[in-house]
Amino acid sequence: MNAYPRVWPLLPLSLALLIACGESEPTLVSYEDEGEVCLNRSLQADDAPLQEGAPLSVRVELPVCLSSSCTSAPVTSCELSLEDHTITLSSHASYLDTSQPLGSCTADCGLLFAECELPALAAGQYTLIHGEHTYTFAIPSEPVGCLEPTAD
């Protein structure tokens, strides 16, 4: 004898509602003018020196690790403008967070970064502005990797 005969017909409906509530829409995660600013950085080689007359590669690295099972649609862009010895960097990055509240994500870690380039630069001291941060560097110089913001 079952003490709860009226509960059994409701059980499949309850489970379906519980599963449906666990499904959530992807969330757009965006970054505007954020991230570490790195110069002449490449995935295939060590950081390169900054040389007079050579193009300057700028890479904005975002502070996020993308799991292939819980993120999708990564988009990045950046633009550089040069006036005198001041470089203004604008960057954007976004992705969809598809993780579920009670789900788990794979431990793989994809980097999110934007890359852009300036044509050959003359020797001298340069200021780079990115969002709220200001950086300085010289051309020519040894590899600098990622820049540290100057103190206000």
Protein backbone atom coordinates (compact mmCIF):
# COMPACT_ATOMS: atom_id res chain seq x y z
CA MET A 1 0.00 0.00 0.00
CA ASN A 2 1.29 3.37 -0.95
CA ALA A 3 0.82 6.17 1.55
CA TYR A 4 1.01 8.88 -1.16
CA PRO A 5 -0.98 7.64 -4.19
CA ARG A 6 -1.78 11.15 -5.46
CA VAL A 7 1.87 12.24 -5.53
CA TRP A 8 3.04 9.75 -8.18
CA PRO A 9 1.21 11.37 -11.13
CA LEU A 10 2.80 14.73 -10.23
CA LEU A 11 6.35 13.39 -10.08
CA PRO A 12 7.10 13.49 -13.87
CA LEU A 13 5.71 17.03 -14.11
CA SER A 14 7.80 18.14 -11.12
CA LEU A 15 10.97 16.67 -12.63
CA ALA A 16 10.30 18.35 -15.99
CA LEU A 17 9.81 21.72 -14.31
CA LEU A 18 12.95 21.29 -12.23
CA ILE A 19 15.03 20.46 -15.32
CA ALA A 20 13.53 23.37 -17.27
CA CYS A 21 14.34 25.76 -14.43
CA GLY A 22 17.96 24.60 -14.52
CA GLU A 23 18.35 25.65 -18.17
CA SER A 24 19.41 29.26 -18.42
CA GLU A 25 19.97 31.53 -21.38
CA PRO A 26 23.59 32.36 -22.28
CA THR A 27 24.93 35.52 -20.66
CA LEU A 28 26.93 38.03 -22.70
CA VAL A 29 30.17 38.97 -20.92
CA SER A 30 31.87 42.12 -22.28
CA TYR A 31 35.08 44.05 -21.69
CA GLU A 32 35.62 47.62 -22.93
CA ASP A 33 39.14 49.08 -22.74
CA GLU A 34 40.17 46.53 -20.09
CA GLY A 35 42.98 44.00 -19.82
CA GLU A 36 46.76 43.80 -19.80
CA VAL A 37 48.56 45.65 -22.58
CA CYS A 38 51.45 43.68 -24.08
CA LEU A 39 53.85 44.75 -26.83
CA ASN A 40 55.27 42.54 -29.61
CA ARG A 41 53.86 39.38 -28.00
CA SER A 42 53.15 36.29 -30.06
CA LEU A 43 51.77 32.84 -29.33
CA GLN A 44 54.50 31.30 -31.49
CA ALA A 45 57.57 33.15 -30.19
CA ASP A 46 59.06 35.02 -27.26
CA ASP A 47 58.36 38.72 -26.90
CA ALA A 48 60.31 40.67 -29.53
CA PRO A 49 62.37 43.82 -28.92
CA LEU A 50 60.88 47.20 -29.84
CA GLN A 51 62.83 48.43 -32.85
CA GLU A 52 62.92 51.75 -34.64
CA GLY A 53 61.30 51.52 -38.06
CA ALA A 54 59.51 48.24 -37.25
CA PRO A 55 55.75 47.78 -36.79
CA LEU A 56 54.49 47.70 -33.19
CA SER A 57 52.18 44.83 -32.32
CA VAL A 58 49.83 45.50 -29.38
CA ARG A 59 47.94 42.73 -27.63
CA VAL A 60 45.25 43.20 -24.98
CA GLU A 61 44.98 40.11 -22.77
CA LEU A 62 41.72 39.73 -20.84
CA PRO A 63 41.61 38.31 -17.30
CA VAL A 64 39.45 35.31 -18.18
CA CYS A 65 39.89 31.62 -18.87
CA LEU A 66 37.39 30.30 -21.44
CA SER A 67 36.16 26.73 -21.02
CA SER A 68 35.25 25.16 -24.36
CA SER A 69 32.19 23.53 -22.79
CA CYS A 70 30.82 26.66 -21.09
CA THR A 71 31.67 29.57 -23.40
CA SER A 72 31.00 30.37 -27.03
CA ALA A 73 31.13 33.11 -29.65
CA PRO A 74 34.28 34.97 -28.54
CA VAL A 75 34.72 38.32 -30.32
CA THR A 76 37.66 40.73 -29.96
CA SER A 77 38.79 43.93 -31.61
CA CYS A 78 41.18 46.79 -31.01
CA GLU A 79 42.18 50.05 -32.66
CA LEU A 80 45.27 52.19 -32.30
CA SER A 81 45.69 55.86 -33.11
CA LEU A 82 48.93 57.83 -32.97
CA GLU A 83 49.32 61.57 -32.45
CA ASP A 84 52.86 62.84 -31.88
CA HIS A 85 54.24 60.31 -29.36
CA THR A 86 50.86 59.44 -27.77
CA ILE A 87 49.13 56.20 -28.73
CA THR A 88 45.45 55.73 -27.89
CA LEU A 89 44.27 52.12 -27.68
CA SER A 90 40.58 51.15 -27.79
CA SER A 91 39.66 47.52 -27.23
CA HIS A 92 36.56 45.37 -27.00
CA ALA A 93 36.11 41.70 -26.15
CA SER A 94 33.06 39.58 -25.44
CA TYR A 95 31.87 35.99 -25.22
CA LEU A 96 28.74 34.06 -24.28
CA ASP A 97 28.78 32.30 -20.91
CA THR A 98 26.74 29.14 -21.53
CA SER A 99 27.40 27.51 -18.15
CA GLN A 100 24.44 26.09 -16.24
CA PRO A 101 23.75 26.78 -12.54
CA LEU A 102 24.27 23.16 -11.45
CA GLY A 103 26.47 22.08 -14.36
CA SER A 104 30.20 21.67 -14.58
CA CYS A 105 32.67 23.00 -17.14
CA THR A 106 35.72 21.36 -18.66
CA ALA A 107 39.06 22.48 -17.21
CA ASP A 108 40.55 23.60 -20.54
CA CYS A 109 41.54 27.26 -20.61
CA GLY A 110 41.25 29.35 -23.75
CA LEU A 111 42.79 32.82 -23.75
CA LEU A 112 40.79 35.85 -24.82
CA PHE A 113 42.84 38.61 -26.42
CA ALA A 114 42.68 41.32 -29.08
CA GLU A 115 45.60 42.21 -31.36
CA CYS A 116 46.28 45.26 -33.48
CA GLU A 117 49.33 46.90 -35.02
CA LEU A 118 50.84 50.30 -35.75
CA PRO A 119 53.13 50.83 -38.73
CA ALA A 120 56.81 51.57 -38.20
CA LEU A 121 57.51 53.96 -35.32
CA ALA A 122 60.40 56.38 -34.93
CA ALA A 123 62.78 56.21 -31.98
CA GLY A 124 61.61 57.99 -28.84
CA GLN A 125 59.59 57.84 -25.64
CA TYR A 126 55.90 56.94 -26.13
CA THR A 127 52.78 57.21 -23.98
CA LEU A 128 50.00 54.67 -24.49
CA ILE A 129 46.49 55.34 -23.14
CA HIS A 130 44.06 52.43 -22.70
CA GLY A 131 40.86 53.10 -20.79
CA GLU A 132 41.76 54.53 -17.38
CA HIS A 133 45.41 53.48 -17.57
CA THR A 134 48.47 55.21 -18.99
CA TYR A 135 51.71 53.44 -19.91
CA THR A 136 55.11 54.59 -21.13
CA PHE A 137 57.75 52.78 -23.16
CA ALA A 138 60.73 53.60 -25.37
CA ILE A 139 61.73 52.66 -28.89
CA PRO A 140 64.23 51.08 -29.28
CA SER A 141 64.22 48.80 -26.22
CA GLU A 142 64.56 45.20 -25.19
CA PRO A 143 61.39 43.06 -25.03
CA VAL A 144 59.00 44.58 -22.50
CA GLY A 145 56.21 41.98 -22.49
CA CYS A 146 53.17 43.39 -20.71
CA LEU A 147 53.30 47.01 -19.60
CA GLU A 148 52.80 48.27 -16.06
CA PRO A 149 50.54 51.33 -15.68
CA THR A 150 52.33 54.52 -14.67
CA ALA A 151 51.52 55.85 -11.21
CA ASP A 152 49.04 58.71 -11.10
